[in-house]
């Protein structure tokens, strides 16, 4: 299994964000919201959105690293090639890795149904 996070697996263009927000479906976890949509590619892509309301830069950067790691390690749990946006909620900044991992896997199980 490939656990790399290649540059093509990141959503970066504004056009992609806008289309995903408009046409994507949403799931809600305890500590983040997930916006997703099938992308028609051979691989899934992801992006992370963390507002300044969450905390200072160190907290926001830690959350972004954590979401990227969770995506990278759990790509095989996705039901198919999807575009995903993870939107962190206020409580996410105070949670530890185990709580975030459990919430992430719970949301991915909902996604697979």
PDB file of N, CA and C in Angstrom:
ATOM      1  N   UNK A   1       0.835  -1.185   0.000  1.00  0.00           N
ATOM      2  CA  UNK A   1       0.000   0.000   0.000  1.00  0.00           C
ATOM      3  C   UNK A   1       0.881   1.250   0.000  1.00  0.00           C
ATOM      4  N   UNK A   2       0.489   2.203  -0.806  1.00  0.00           N
ATOM      5  CA  UNK A   2       1.241   3.447  -0.931  1.00  0.00           C
ATOM      6  C   UNK A   2       0.762   4.446   0.110  1.00  0.00           C
ATOM      7  N   UNK A   3       1.610   4.783   1.073  1.00  0.00           N
ATOM      8  CA  UNK A   3       1.232   5.720   2.130  1.00  0.00           C
ATOM      9  C   UNK A   3       1.807   7.107   1.912  1.00  0.00           C
ATOM     10  N   UNK A   4       2.233   7.376   0.700  1.00  0.00           N
ATOM     11  CA  UNK A   4       2.736   8.721   0.424  1.00  0.00           C
ATOM     12  C   UNK A   4       1.568   9.672   0.214  1.00  0.00           C
ATOM     13  N   UNK A   5       1.829  10.952   0.398  1.00  0.00           N
ATOM     14  CA  UNK A   5       0.874  11.991   0.035  1.00  0.00           C
ATOM     15  C   UNK A   5       1.519  12.776  -1.098  1.00  0.00           C
ATOM     16  N   UNK A   6       1.191  12.358  -2.308  1.00  0.00           N
ATOM     17  CA  UNK A   6       1.798  12.971  -3.487  1.00  0.00           C
ATOM     18  C   UNK A   6       1.189  14.342  -3.749  1.00  0.00           C
ATOM     19  N   UNK A   7       1.890  15.222  -4.411  1.00  0.00           N
ATOM     20  CA  UNK A   7       1.354  16.560  -4.710  1.00  0.00           C
ATOM     21  C   UNK A   7       0.041  16.534  -5.492  1.00  0.00           C
ATOM     22  N   UNK A   8      -0.148  15.535  -6.358  1.00  0.00           N
ATOM     23  CA  UNK A   8      -1.398  15.471  -7.117  1.00  0.00           C
ATOM     24  C   UNK A   8      -2.584  15.103  -6.237  1.00  0.00           C
ATOM     25  N   UNK A   9      -2.334  14.628  -5.027  1.00  0.00           N
ATOM     26  CA  UNK A   9      -3.409  14.243  -4.109  1.00  0.00           C
ATOM     27  C   UNK A   9      -3.869  15.398  -3.230  1.00  0.00           C
ATOM     28  N   UNK A  10      -3.426  16.602  -3.514  1.00  0.00           N
ATOM     29  CA  UNK A  10      -3.841  17.789  -2.767  1.00  0.00           C
ATOM     30  C   UNK A  10      -4.714  18.660  -3.656  1.00  0.00           C
ATOM     31  N   UNK A  11      -5.794  19.180  -3.104  1.00  0.00           N
ATOM     32  CA  UNK A  11      -6.639  20.118  -3.832  1.00  0.00           C
ATOM     33  C   UNK A  11      -6.072  21.508  -3.563  1.00  0.00           C
ATOM     34  N   UNK A  12      -5.760  22.241  -4.626  1.00  0.00           N
ATOM     35  CA  UNK A  12      -5.133  23.547  -4.455  1.00  0.00           C
ATOM     36  C   UNK A  12      -5.823  24.658  -5.224  1.00  0.00           C
ATOM     37  N   UNK A  13      -6.496  24.333  -6.304  1.00  0.00           N
ATOM     38  CA  UNK A  13      -7.084  25.375  -7.145  1.00  0.00           C
ATOM     39  C   UNK A  13      -8.411  25.867  -6.582  1.00  0.00           C
ATOM     40  N   UNK A  14      -8.611  27.156  -6.643  1.00  0.00           N
ATOM     41  CA  UNK A  14      -9.833  27.776  -6.131  1.00  0.00           C
ATOM     42  C   UNK A  14     -11.070  27.205  -6.834  1.00  0.00           C
ATOM     43  N   UNK A  15     -10.952  26.955  -8.114  1.00  0.00           N
ATOM     44  CA  UNK A  15     -12.049  26.395  -8.898  1.00  0.00           C
ATOM     45  C   UNK A  15     -12.494  25.040  -8.324  1.00  0.00           C
ATOM     46  N   UNK A  16     -11.545  24.214  -7.938  1.00  0.00           N
ATOM     47  CA  UNK A  16     -11.860  22.904  -7.354  1.00  0.00           C
ATOM     48  C   UNK A  16     -12.562  23.053  -6.010  1.00  0.00           C
ATOM     49  N   UNK A  17     -12.095  24.004  -5.194  1.00  0.00           N
ATOM     50  CA  UNK A  17     -12.738  24.251  -3.902  1.00  0.00           C
ATOM     51  C   UNK A  17     -14.181  24.697  -4.093  1.00  0.00           C
ATOM     52  N   UNK A  18     -14.391  25.659  -4.982  1.00  0.00           N
ATOM     53  CA  UNK A  18     -15.736  26.203  -5.198  1.00  0.00           C
ATOM     54  C   UNK A  18     -16.680  25.118  -5.695  1.00  0.00           C
ATOM     55  N   UNK A  19     -16.235  24.325  -6.658  1.00  0.00           N
ATOM     56  CA  UNK A  19     -17.073  23.253  -7.193  1.00  0.00           C
ATOM     57  C   UNK A  19     -17.404  22.217  -6.126  1.00  0.00           C
ATOM     58  N   UNK A  20     -16.435  21.891  -5.300  1.00  0.00           N
ATOM     59  CA  UNK A  20     -16.655  20.905  -4.246  1.00  0.00           C
ATOM     60  C   UNK A  20     -17.625  21.428  -3.187  1.00  0.00           C
ATOM     61  N   UNK A  21     -17.486  22.695  -2.805  1.00  0.00           N
ATOM     62  CA  UNK A  21     -18.414  23.287  -1.843  1.00  0.00           C
ATOM     63  C   UNK A  21     -19.835  23.333  -2.400  1.00  0.00           C
ATOM     64  N   UNK A  22     -19.982  23.635  -3.677  1.00  0.00           N
ATOM     65  CA  UNK A  22     -21.317  23.753  -4.281  1.00  0.00           C
ATOM     66  C   UNK A  22     -21.984  22.412  -4.505  1.00  0.00           C
ATOM     67  N   UNK A  23     -21.243  21.459  -5.042  1.00  0.00           N
ATOM     68  CA  UNK A  23     -21.844  20.201  -5.486  1.00  0.00           C
ATOM     69  C   UNK A  23     -21.563  19.020  -4.566  1.00  0.00           C
ATOM     70  N   UNK A  24     -20.711  19.210  -3.563  1.00  0.00           N
ATOM     71  CA  UNK A  24     -20.325  18.094  -2.714  1.00  0.00           C
ATOM     72  C   UNK A  24     -21.363  17.774  -1.641  1.00  0.00           C
ATOM     73  N   UNK A  25     -21.283  16.574  -1.151  1.00  0.00           N
ATOM     74  CA  UNK A  25     -22.117  16.135  -0.028  1.00  0.00           C
ATOM     75  C   UNK A  25     -21.338  16.367   1.256  1.00  0.00           C
ATOM     76  N   UNK A  26     -22.061  16.385   2.387  1.00  0.00           N
ATOM     77  CA  UNK A  26     -21.417  16.695   3.661  1.00  0.00           C
ATOM     78  C   UNK A  26     -21.694  15.619   4.701  1.00  0.00           C
ATOM     79  N   UNK A  27     -20.682  15.365   5.489  1.00  0.00           N
ATOM     80  CA  UNK A  27     -20.806  14.510   6.669  1.00  0.00           C
ATOM     81  C   UNK A  27     -20.241  15.274   7.850  1.00  0.00           C
ATOM     82  N   UNK A  28     -20.800  15.034   9.005  1.00  0.00           N
ATOM     83  CA  UNK A  28     -20.358  15.747  10.195  1.00  0.00           C
ATOM     84  C   UNK A  28     -19.792  14.743  11.200  1.00  0.00           C
ATOM     85  N   UNK A  29     -18.571  15.018  11.621  1.00  0.00           N
ATOM     86  CA  UNK A  29     -17.959  14.271  12.703  1.00  0.00           C
ATOM     87  C   UNK A  29     -18.039  15.099  13.977  1.00  0.00           C
ATOM     88  N   UNK A  30     -17.462  14.610  15.043  1.00  0.00           N
ATOM     89  CA  UNK A  30     -17.473  15.367  16.298  1.00  0.00           C
ATOM     90  C   UNK A  30     -16.562  16.576  16.233  1.00  0.00           C
ATOM     91  N   UNK A  31     -15.427  16.441  15.532  1.00  0.00           N
ATOM     92  CA  UNK A  31     -14.413  17.494  15.541  1.00  0.00           C
ATOM     93  C   UNK A  31     -14.146  18.108  14.174  1.00  0.00           C
ATOM     94  N   UNK A  32     -14.817  17.636  13.134  1.00  0.00           N
ATOM     95  CA  UNK A  32     -14.638  18.211  11.806  1.00  0.00           C
ATOM     96  C   UNK A  32     -15.836  17.895  10.923  1.00  0.00           C
ATOM     97  N   UNK A  33     -15.985  18.682   9.863  1.00  0.00           N
ATOM     98  CA  UNK A  33     -16.962  18.426   8.816  1.00  0.00           C
ATOM     99  C   UNK A  33     -16.200  17.910   7.604  1.00  0.00           C
ATOM    100  N   UNK A  34     -16.848  17.064   6.847  1.00  0.00           N
ATOM    101  CA  UNK A  34     -16.238  16.518   5.641  1.00  0.00           C
ATOM    102  C   UNK A  34     -17.124  16.858   4.458  1.00  0.00           C
ATOM    103  N   UNK A  35     -16.551  17.497   3.453  1.00  0.00           N
ATOM    104  CA  UNK A  35     -17.237  17.765   2.191  1.00  0.00           C
ATOM    105  C   UNK A  35     -16.578  16.839   1.177  1.00  0.00           C
ATOM    106  N   UNK A  36     -17.383  16.053   0.462  1.00  0.00           N
ATOM    107  CA  UNK A  36     -16.806  15.069  -0.448  1.00  0.00           C
ATOM    108  C   UNK A  36     -17.627  14.965  -1.724  1.00  0.00           C
ATOM    109  N   UNK A  37     -16.943  14.453  -2.748  1.00  0.00           N
ATOM    110  CA  UNK A  37     -17.576  14.271  -4.048  1.00  0.00           C
ATOM    111  C   UNK A  37     -16.695  13.340  -4.871  1.00  0.00           C
ATOM    112  N   UNK A  38     -17.284  12.403  -5.636  1.00  0.00           N
ATOM    113  CA  UNK A  38     -16.465  11.588  -6.541  1.00  0.00           C
ATOM    114  C   UNK A  38     -15.754  12.487  -7.552  1.00  0.00           C
ATOM    115  N   UNK A  39     -14.514  12.157  -7.877  1.00  0.00           N
ATOM    116  CA  UNK A  39     -13.748  13.063  -8.729  1.00  0.00           C
ATOM    117  C   UNK A  39     -13.456  12.534 -10.137  1.00  0.00           C
ATOM    118  N   UNK A  40     -13.711  11.280 -10.416  1.00  0.00           N
ATOM    119  CA  UNK A  40     -13.471  10.766 -11.761  1.00  0.00           C
ATOM    120  C   UNK A  40     -12.008  10.532 -12.095  1.00  0.00           C
ATOM    121  N   UNK A  41     -11.134  10.645 -11.120  1.00  0.00           N
ATOM    122  CA  UNK A  41      -9.708  10.379 -11.329  1.00  0.00           C
ATOM    123  C   UNK A  41      -9.387   8.976 -10.826  1.00  0.00           C
ATOM    124  N   UNK A  42      -8.136   8.597 -10.907  1.00  0.00           N
ATOM    125  CA  UNK A  42      -7.730   7.284 -10.421  1.00  0.00           C
ATOM    126  C   UNK A  42      -7.296   7.313  -8.962  1.00  0.00           C
ATOM    127  N   UNK A  43      -7.304   8.484  -8.336  1.00  0.00           N
ATOM    128  CA  UNK A  43      -6.828   8.646  -6.976  1.00  0.00           C
ATOM    129  C   UNK A  43      -7.697   9.674  -6.264  1.00  0.00           C
ATOM    130  N   UNK A  44      -7.676   9.643  -4.944  1.00  0.00           N
ATOM    131  CA  UNK A  44      -8.418  10.619  -4.143  1.00  0.00           C
ATOM    132  C   UNK A  44      -7.547  11.844  -3.908  1.00  0.00           C
ATOM    133  N   UNK A  45      -8.216  12.980  -3.693  1.00  0.00           N
ATOM    134  CA  UNK A  45      -7.509  14.217  -3.384  1.00  0.00           C
ATOM    135  C   UNK A  45      -8.105  14.800  -2.111  1.00  0.00           C
ATOM    136  N   UNK A  46      -7.324  15.614  -1.407  1.00  0.00           N
ATOM    137  CA  UNK A  46      -7.810  16.180  -0.153  1.00  0.00           C
ATOM    138  C   UNK A  46      -7.306  17.588   0.055  1.00  0.00           C
ATOM    139  N   UNK A  47      -8.016  18.289   0.952  1.00  0.00           N
ATOM    140  CA  UNK A  47      -7.606  19.617   1.403  1.00  0.00           C
ATOM    141  C   UNK A  47      -8.065  19.758   2.841  1.00  0.00           C
ATOM    142  N   UNK A  48      -7.407  20.632   3.582  1.00  0.00           N
ATOM    143  CA  UNK A  48      -7.753  20.878   4.978  1.00  0.00           C
ATOM    144  C   UNK A  48      -8.009  22.366   5.155  1.00  0.00           C
ATOM    145  N   UNK A  49      -9.103  22.697   5.847  1.00  0.00           N
ATOM    146  CA  UNK A  49      -9.435  24.082   6.144  1.00  0.00           C
ATOM    147  C   UNK A  49      -9.494  24.229   7.663  1.00  0.00           C
ATOM    148  N   UNK A  50      -8.654  25.125   8.196  1.00  0.00           N
ATOM    149  CA  UNK A  50      -8.629  25.381   9.635  1.00  0.00           C
ATOM    150  C   UNK A  50      -8.704  26.888   9.843  1.00  0.00           C
ATOM    151  N   UNK A  51      -9.780  27.340  10.453  1.00  0.00           N
ATOM    152  CA  UNK A  51     -10.007  28.763  10.662  1.00  0.00           C
ATOM    153  C   UNK A  51      -9.131  29.315  11.783  1.00  0.00           C
ATOM    154  N   UNK A  52      -8.935  30.617  11.771  1.00  0.00           N
ATOM    155  CA  UNK A  52      -8.175  31.260  12.848  1.00  0.00           C
ATOM    156  C   UNK A  52      -8.910  31.184  14.179  1.00  0.00           C
ATOM    157  N   UNK A  53     -10.201  30.931  14.142  1.00  0.00           N
ATOM    158  CA  UNK A  53     -10.979  30.793  15.374  1.00  0.00           C
ATOM    159  C   UNK A  53     -10.568  29.564  16.173  1.00  0.00           C
ATOM    160  N   UNK A  54      -9.911  28.625  15.521  1.00  0.00           N
ATOM    161  CA  UNK A  54      -9.490  27.384  16.173  1.00  0.00           C
ATOM    162  C   UNK A  54      -8.378  27.658  17.175  1.00  0.00           C
ATOM    163  N   UNK A  55      -7.453  28.520  16.828  1.00  0.00           N
ATOM    164  CA  UNK A  55      -6.338  28.794  17.721  1.00  0.00           C
ATOM    165  C   UNK A  55      -5.208  29.485  16.984  1.00  0.00           C
ATOM    166  N   UNK A  56      -4.086  29.553  17.647  1.00  0.00           N
ATOM    167  CA  UNK A  56      -2.912  30.198  17.051  1.00  0.00           C
ATOM    168  C   UNK A  56      -2.309  29.314  15.965  1.00  0.00           C
ATOM    169  N   UNK A  57      -1.325  29.841  15.271  1.00  0.00           N
ATOM    170  CA  UNK A  57      -0.755  29.164  14.106  1.00  0.00           C
ATOM    171  C   UNK A  57      -0.216  27.777  14.441  1.00  0.00           C
ATOM    172  N   UNK A  58       0.374  27.609  15.610  1.00  0.00           N
ATOM    173  CA  UNK A  58       0.927  26.292  15.953  1.00  0.00           C
ATOM    174  C   UNK A  58      -0.179  25.253  16.070  1.00  0.00           C
ATOM    175  N   UNK A  59      -1.312  25.634  16.627  1.00  0.00           N
ATOM    176  CA  UNK A  59      -2.453  24.710  16.765  1.00  0.00           C
ATOM    177  C   UNK A  59      -3.021  24.391  15.388  1.00  0.00           C
ATOM    178  N   UNK A  60      -3.200  25.413  14.561  1.00  0.00           N
ATOM    179  CA  UNK A  60      -3.752  25.198  13.219  1.00  0.00           C
ATOM    180  C   UNK A  60      -2.830  24.314  12.379  1.00  0.00           C
ATOM    181  N   UNK A  61      -1.536  24.560  12.454  1.00  0.00           N
ATOM    182  CA  UNK A  61      -0.586  23.750  11.678  1.00  0.00           C
ATOM    183  C   UNK A  61      -0.550  22.312  12.168  1.00  0.00           C
ATOM    184  N   UNK A  62      -0.650  22.111  13.478  1.00  0.00           N
ATOM    185  CA  UNK A  62      -0.687  20.746  14.023  1.00  0.00           C
ATOM    186  C   UNK A  62      -1.902  19.993  13.505  1.00  0.00           C
ATOM    187  N   UNK A  63      -3.058  20.670  13.463  1.00  0.00           N
ATOM    188  CA  UNK A  63      -4.266  20.036  12.945  1.00  0.00           C
ATOM    189  C   UNK A  63      -4.138  19.693  11.464  1.00  0.00           C
ATOM    190  N   UNK A  64      -3.559  20.586  10.695  1.00  0.00           N
ATOM    191  CA  UNK A  64      -3.395  20.312   9.274  1.00  0.00           C
ATOM    192  C   UNK A  64      -2.472  19.112   9.063  1.00  0.00           C
ATOM    193  N   UNK A  65      -1.388  19.058   9.803  1.00  0.00           N
ATOM    194  CA  UNK A  65      -0.488  17.902   9.697  1.00  0.00           C
ATOM    195  C   UNK A  65      -1.203  16.618  10.082  1.00  0.00           C
ATOM    196  N   UNK A  66      -2.018  16.694  11.135  1.00  0.00           N
ATOM    197  CA  UNK A  66      -2.740  15.505  11.601  1.00  0.00           C
ATOM    198  C   UNK A  66      -3.740  15.021  10.547  1.00  0.00           C
ATOM    199  N   UNK A  67      -4.511  15.927   9.959  1.00  0.00           N
ATOM    200  CA  UNK A  67      -5.468  15.525   8.927  1.00  0.00           C
ATOM    201  C   UNK A  67      -4.772  14.943   7.704  1.00  0.00           C
ATOM    202  N   UNK A  68      -3.654  15.529   7.316  1.00  0.00           N
ATOM    203  CA  UNK A  68      -2.915  14.978   6.179  1.00  0.00           C
ATOM    204  C   UNK A  68      -2.395  13.579   6.497  1.00  0.00           C
ATOM    205  N   UNK A  69      -1.921  13.379   7.714  1.00  0.00           N
ATOM    206  CA  UNK A  69      -1.435  12.056   8.096  1.00  0.00           C
ATOM    207  C   UNK A  69      -2.571  11.042   8.123  1.00  0.00           C
ATOM    208  N   UNK A  70      -3.720  11.425   8.679  1.00  0.00           N
ATOM    209  CA  UNK A  70      -4.863  10.514   8.733  1.00  0.00           C
ATOM    210  C   UNK A  70      -5.311  10.130   7.326  1.00  0.00           C
ATOM    211  N   UNK A  71      -5.356  11.078   6.425  1.00  0.00           N
ATOM    212  CA  UNK A  71      -5.714  10.782   5.035  1.00  0.00           C
ATOM    213  C   UNK A  71      -4.682   9.849   4.412  1.00  0.00           C
ATOM    214  N   UNK A  72      -3.422  10.182   4.588  1.00  0.00           N
ATOM    215  CA  UNK A  72      -2.333   9.421   3.982  1.00  0.00           C
ATOM    216  C   UNK A  72      -2.346   7.964   4.440  1.00  0.00           C
ATOM    217  N   UNK A  73      -2.589   7.741   5.716  1.00  0.00           N
ATOM    218  CA  UNK A  73      -2.534   6.379   6.254  1.00  0.00           C
ATOM    219  C   UNK A  73      -3.816   5.582   6.042  1.00  0.00           C
ATOM    220  N   UNK A  74      -4.922   6.262   5.738  1.00  0.00           N
ATOM    221  CA  UNK A  74      -6.207   5.570   5.639  1.00  0.00           C
ATOM    222  C   UNK A  74      -6.848   5.699   4.265  1.00  0.00           C
ATOM    223  N   UNK A  75      -6.056   5.944   3.241  1.00  0.00           N
ATOM    224  CA  UNK A  75      -6.595   6.058   1.881  1.00  0.00           C
ATOM    225  C   UNK A  75      -7.320   4.794   1.460  1.00  0.00           C
ATOM    226  N   UNK A  76      -6.856   3.660   1.945  1.00  0.00           N
ATOM    227  CA  UNK A  76      -7.453   2.394   1.549  1.00  0.00           C
ATOM    228  C   UNK A  76      -8.871   2.212   2.089  1.00  0.00           C
ATOM    229  N   UNK A  77      -9.297   3.002   3.070  1.00  0.00           N
ATOM    230  CA  UNK A  77     -10.649   2.892   3.615  1.00  0.00           C
ATOM    231  C   UNK A  77     -11.680   3.665   2.792  1.00  0.00           C
ATOM    232  N   UNK A  78     -11.228   4.486   1.866  1.00  0.00           N
ATOM    233  CA  UNK A  78     -12.152   5.261   1.045  1.00  0.00           C
ATOM    234  C   UNK A  78     -12.848   4.348   0.041  1.00  0.00           C
ATOM    235  N   UNK A  79     -14.151   4.570  -0.197  1.00  0.00           N
ATOM    236  CA  UNK A  79     -14.894   3.693  -1.100  1.00  0.00           C
ATOM    237  C   UNK A  79     -14.528   3.844  -2.573  1.00  0.00           C
ATOM    238  N   UNK A  80     -13.846   4.903  -2.945  1.00  0.00           N
ATOM    239  CA  UNK A  80     -13.444   5.118  -4.335  1.00  0.00           C
ATOM    240  C   UNK A  80     -12.673   6.419  -4.431  1.00  0.00           C
ATOM    241  N   UNK A  81     -12.310   6.828  -5.632  1.00  0.00           N
ATOM    242  CA  UNK A  81     -11.595   8.096  -5.781  1.00  0.00           C
ATOM    243  C   UNK A  81     -12.522   9.278  -5.485  1.00  0.00           C
ATOM    244  N   UNK A  82     -12.195  10.041  -4.465  1.00  0.00           N
ATOM    245  CA  UNK A  82     -13.022  11.159  -4.011  1.00  0.00           C
ATOM    246  C   UNK A  82     -12.180  12.415  -3.859  1.00  0.00           C
ATOM    247  N   UNK A  83     -12.853  13.559  -3.949  1.00  0.00           N
ATOM    248  CA  UNK A  83     -12.270  14.822  -3.508  1.00  0.00           C
ATOM    249  C   UNK A  83     -12.822  15.071  -2.109  1.00  0.00           C
ATOM    250  N   UNK A  84     -11.954  15.395  -1.166  1.00  0.00           N
ATOM    251  CA  UNK A  84     -12.355  15.580   0.235  1.00  0.00           C
ATOM    252  C   UNK A  84     -11.842  16.914   0.750  1.00  0.00           C
ATOM    253  N   UNK A  85     -12.685  17.610   1.503  1.00  0.00           N
ATOM    254  CA  UNK A  85     -12.241  18.786   2.245  1.00  0.00           C
ATOM    255  C   UNK A  85     -12.579  18.536   3.711  1.00  0.00           C
ATOM    256  N   UNK A  86     -11.560  18.596   4.564  1.00  0.00           N
ATOM    257  CA  UNK A  86     -11.750  18.469   6.002  1.00  0.00           C
ATOM    258  C   UNK A  86     -11.808  19.874   6.590  1.00  0.00           C
ATOM    259  N   UNK A  87     -12.900  20.194   7.275  1.00  0.00           N
ATOM    260  CA  UNK A  87     -13.071  21.510   7.881  1.00  0.00           C
ATOM    261  C   UNK A  87     -13.073  21.322   9.390  1.00  0.00           C
ATOM    262  N   UNK A  88     -12.028  21.781  10.050  1.00  0.00           N
ATOM    263  CA  UNK A  88     -11.875  21.582  11.501  1.00  0.00           C
ATOM    264  C   UNK A  88     -12.881  22.443  12.264  1.00  0.00           C
ATOM    265  N   UNK A  89     -13.396  21.892  13.360  1.00  0.00           N
ATOM    266  CA  UNK A  89     -14.309  22.608  14.251  1.00  0.00           C
ATOM    267  C   UNK A  89     -13.538  23.106  15.462  1.00  0.00           C
ATOM    268  N   UNK A  90     -14.175  23.969  16.259  1.00  0.00           N
ATOM    269  CA  UNK A  90     -13.488  24.614  17.380  1.00  0.00           C
ATOM    270  C   UNK A  90     -12.854  23.629  18.363  1.00  0.00           C
ATOM    271  N   UNK A  91     -13.537  22.543  18.671  1.00  0.00           N
ATOM    272  CA  UNK A  91     -13.028  21.588  19.659  1.00  0.00           C
ATOM    273  C   UNK A  91     -11.804  20.823  19.177  1.00  0.00           C
ATOM    274  N   UNK A  92     -11.565  20.792  17.884  1.00  0.00           N
ATOM    275  CA  UNK A  92     -10.490  19.970  17.324  1.00  0.00           C
ATOM    276  C   UNK A  92      -9.112  20.361  17.850  1.00  0.00           C
ATOM    277  N   UNK A  93      -8.900  21.623  18.122  1.00  0.00           N
ATOM    278  CA  UNK A  93      -7.587  22.085  18.557  1.00  0.00           C
ATOM    279  C   UNK A  93      -7.171  21.566  19.921  1.00  0.00           C
ATOM    280  N   UNK A  94      -8.141  21.161  20.738  1.00  0.00           N
ATOM    281  CA  UNK A  94      -7.825  20.689  22.086  1.00  0.00           C
ATOM    282  C   UNK A  94      -7.865  19.172  22.202  1.00  0.00           C
ATOM    283  N   UNK A  95      -8.060  18.478  21.112  1.00  0.00           N
ATOM    284  CA  UNK A  95      -8.159  17.017  21.135  1.00  0.00           C
ATOM    285  C   UNK A  95      -6.813  16.374  20.836  1.00  0.00           C
ATOM    286  N   UNK A  96      -6.644  15.175  21.372  1.00  0.00           N
ATOM    287  CA  UNK A  96      -5.389  14.463  21.111  1.00  0.00           C
ATOM    288  C   UNK A  96      -5.531  13.588  19.859  1.00  0.00           C
ATOM    289  N   UNK A  97      -4.444  12.993  19.462  1.00  0.00           N
ATOM    290  CA  UNK A  97      -4.386  12.206  18.235  1.00  0.00           C
ATOM    291  C   UNK A  97      -5.361  11.026  18.257  1.00  0.00           C
ATOM    292  N   UNK A  98      -5.510  10.362  19.391  1.00  0.00           N
ATOM    293  CA  UNK A  98      -6.383   9.190  19.465  1.00  0.00           C
ATOM    294  C   UNK A  98      -7.840   9.562  19.241  1.00  0.00           C
ATOM    295  N   UNK A  99      -8.278  10.669  19.840  1.00  0.00           N
ATOM    296  CA  UNK A  99      -9.664  11.110  19.658  1.00  0.00           C
ATOM    297  C   UNK A  99      -9.925  11.501  18.208  1.00  0.00           C
ATOM    298  N   UNK A 100      -8.983  12.191  17.611  1.00  0.00           N
ATOM    299  CA  UNK A 100      -9.146  12.611  16.222  1.00  0.00           C
ATOM    300  C   UNK A 100      -9.145  11.404  15.276  1.00  0.00           C
ATOM    301  N   UNK A 101      -8.287  10.432  15.556  1.00  0.00           N
ATOM    302  CA  UNK A 101      -8.233   9.230  14.724  1.00  0.00           C
ATOM    303  C   UNK A 101      -9.539   8.459  14.805  1.00  0.00           C
ATOM    304  N   UNK A 102     -10.085   8.309  16.006  1.00  0.00           N
ATOM    305  CA  UNK A 102     -11.356   7.593  16.173  1.00  0.00           C
ATOM    306  C   UNK A 102     -12.481   8.307  15.426  1.00  0.00           C
ATOM    307  N   UNK A 103     -12.534   9.634  15.529  1.00  0.00           N
ATOM    308  CA  UNK A 103     -13.559  10.407  14.831  1.00  0.00           C
ATOM    309  C   UNK A 103     -13.381  10.289  13.321  1.00  0.00           C
ATOM    310  N   UNK A 104     -12.152  10.344  12.855  1.00  0.00           N
ATOM    311  CA  UNK A 104     -11.858  10.242  11.426  1.00  0.00           C
ATOM    312  C   UNK A 104     -12.339   8.899  10.878  1.00  0.00           C
ATOM    313  N   UNK A 105     -12.020   7.826  11.574  1.00  0.00           N
ATOM    314  CA  UNK A 105     -12.421   6.490  11.101  1.00  0.00           C
ATOM    315  C   UNK A 105     -13.931   6.310  11.158  1.00  0.00           C
ATOM    316  N   UNK A 106     -14.579   6.902  12.160  1.00  0.00           N
ATOM    317  CA  UNK A 106     -16.043   6.826  12.246  1.00  0.00           C
ATOM    318  C   UNK A 106     -16.694   7.527  11.051  1.00  0.00           C
ATOM    319  N   UNK A 107     -16.176   8.679  10.671  1.00  0.00           N
ATOM    320  CA  UNK A 107     -16.727   9.405   9.522  1.00  0.00           C
ATOM    321  C   UNK A 107     -16.467   8.625   8.231  1.00  0.00           C
ATOM    322  N   UNK A 108     -15.304   8.017   8.105  1.00  0.00           N
ATOM    323  CA  UNK A 108     -15.024   7.237   6.902  1.00  0.00           C
ATOM    324  C   UNK A 108     -15.940   6.017   6.803  1.00  0.00           C
ATOM    325  N   UNK A 109     -16.330   5.443   7.932  1.00  0.00           N
ATOM    326  CA  UNK A 109     -17.268   4.330   7.908  1.00  0.00           C
ATOM    327  C   UNK A 109     -18.637   4.800   7.431  1.00  0.00           C
ATOM    328  N   UNK A 110     -19.070   5.983   7.850  1.00  0.00           N
ATOM    329  CA  UNK A 110     -20.331   6.546   7.350  1.00  0.00           C
ATOM    330  C   UNK A 110     -20.245   6.786   5.848  1.00  0.00           C
ATOM    331  N   UNK A 111     -19.095   7.214   5.407  1.00  0.00           N
ATOM    332  CA  UNK A 111     -18.878   7.498   3.984  1.00  0.00           C
ATOM    333  C   UNK A 111     -18.977   6.225   3.154  1.00  0.00           C
ATOM    334  N   UNK A 112     -18.511   5.128   3.690  1.00  0.00           N
ATOM    335  CA  UNK A 112     -18.515   3.863   2.949  1.00  0.00           C
ATOM    336  C   UNK A 112     -19.928   3.292   2.790  1.00  0.00           C
ATOM    337  N   UNK A 113     -20.868   3.730   3.610  1.00  0.00           N
ATOM    338  CA  UNK A 113     -22.245   3.203   3.523  1.00  0.00           C
ATOM    339  C   UNK A 113     -22.983   3.814   2.421  1.00  0.00           C
TER     340      UNK A 113
END
